[in-house]
């Protein structure tokens, strides 16, 4: 489960997304933060 924000800039979209892990195993992280600049391939 998660959410994110996107901004359209001169260099392309800037994305900040966070995902929370609902079904964690022993060594899995609680959540993950992703930051990206530009278009996804």
C-alpha atoms as a PDB file:
ATOM      1  CA  UNK A   1       0.000   0.000   0.000  1.00  0.00           C
ATOM      2  CA  UNK A   2       1.399   3.454  -0.698  1.00  0.00           C
ATOM      3  CA  UNK A   3       1.146   6.839  -2.236  1.00  0.00           C
ATOM      4  CA  UNK A   4       3.138   9.311  -4.185  1.00  0.00           C
ATOM      5  CA  UNK A   5       3.522  12.789  -5.591  1.00  0.00           C
ATOM      6  CA  UNK A   6       4.480  13.846  -9.114  1.00  0.00           C
ATOM      7  CA  UNK A   7       5.617  17.227 -10.400  1.00  0.00           C
ATOM      8  CA  UNK A   8       6.062  18.174 -14.053  1.00  0.00           C
ATOM      9  CA  UNK A   9       9.284  20.166 -14.408  1.00  0.00           C
ATOM     10  CA  UNK A  10      11.419  21.414 -17.293  1.00  0.00           C
ATOM     11  CA  UNK A  11      13.679  18.330 -17.095  1.00  0.00           C
ATOM     12  CA  UNK A  12      10.734  15.902 -16.917  1.00  0.00           C
ATOM     13  CA  UNK A  13       8.498  14.537 -14.200  1.00  0.00           C
ATOM     14  CA  UNK A  14       9.842  14.230 -10.641  1.00  0.00           C
ATOM     15  CA  UNK A  15       8.265  11.426  -8.631  1.00  0.00           C
ATOM     16  CA  UNK A  16       8.375  10.693  -4.907  1.00  0.00           C
ATOM     17  CA  UNK A  17       6.596   7.500  -3.903  1.00  0.00           C
ATOM     18  CA  UNK A  18       6.390   5.527  -0.652  1.00  0.00           C
ATOM     19  CA  UNK A  19       5.167   1.957  -0.271  1.00  0.00           C
ATOM     20  CA  UNK A  20       4.314   0.341   3.074  1.00  0.00           C
ATOM     21  CA  UNK A  21       4.783  -3.426   3.330  1.00  0.00           C
ATOM     22  CA  UNK A  22       1.590  -4.955   4.771  1.00  0.00           C
ATOM     23  CA  UNK A  23       2.819  -8.597   4.898  1.00  0.00           C
ATOM     24  CA  UNK A  24       6.420  -8.421   6.084  1.00  0.00           C
ATOM     25  CA  UNK A  25       8.652 -11.440   6.460  1.00  0.00           C
ATOM     26  CA  UNK A  26      11.466 -11.574   9.021  1.00  0.00           C
ATOM     27  CA  UNK A  27      14.075  -9.476   7.195  1.00  0.00           C
ATOM     28  CA  UNK A  28      11.831  -7.378   4.925  1.00  0.00           C
ATOM     29  CA  UNK A  29      11.803  -3.596   5.346  1.00  0.00           C
ATOM     30  CA  UNK A  30       8.751  -1.857   6.773  1.00  0.00           C
ATOM     31  CA  UNK A  31       8.484   0.352   3.700  1.00  0.00           C
ATOM     32  CA  UNK A  32      10.383   1.755   0.755  1.00  0.00           C
ATOM     33  CA  UNK A  33      10.843   5.288  -0.563  1.00  0.00           C
ATOM     34  CA  UNK A  34      11.407   5.811  -4.306  1.00  0.00           C
ATOM     35  CA  UNK A  35      12.581   9.069  -5.870  1.00  0.00           C
ATOM     36  CA  UNK A  36      12.817   9.330  -9.651  1.00  0.00           C
ATOM     37  CA  UNK A  37      13.520  12.052 -12.209  1.00  0.00           C
ATOM     38  CA  UNK A  38      12.485  11.650 -15.843  1.00  0.00           C
ATOM     39  CA  UNK A  39      10.231   9.278 -17.713  1.00  0.00           C
ATOM     40  CA  UNK A  40      10.099   5.559 -16.819  1.00  0.00           C
ATOM     41  CA  UNK A  41      11.359   3.118 -19.477  1.00  0.00           C
END
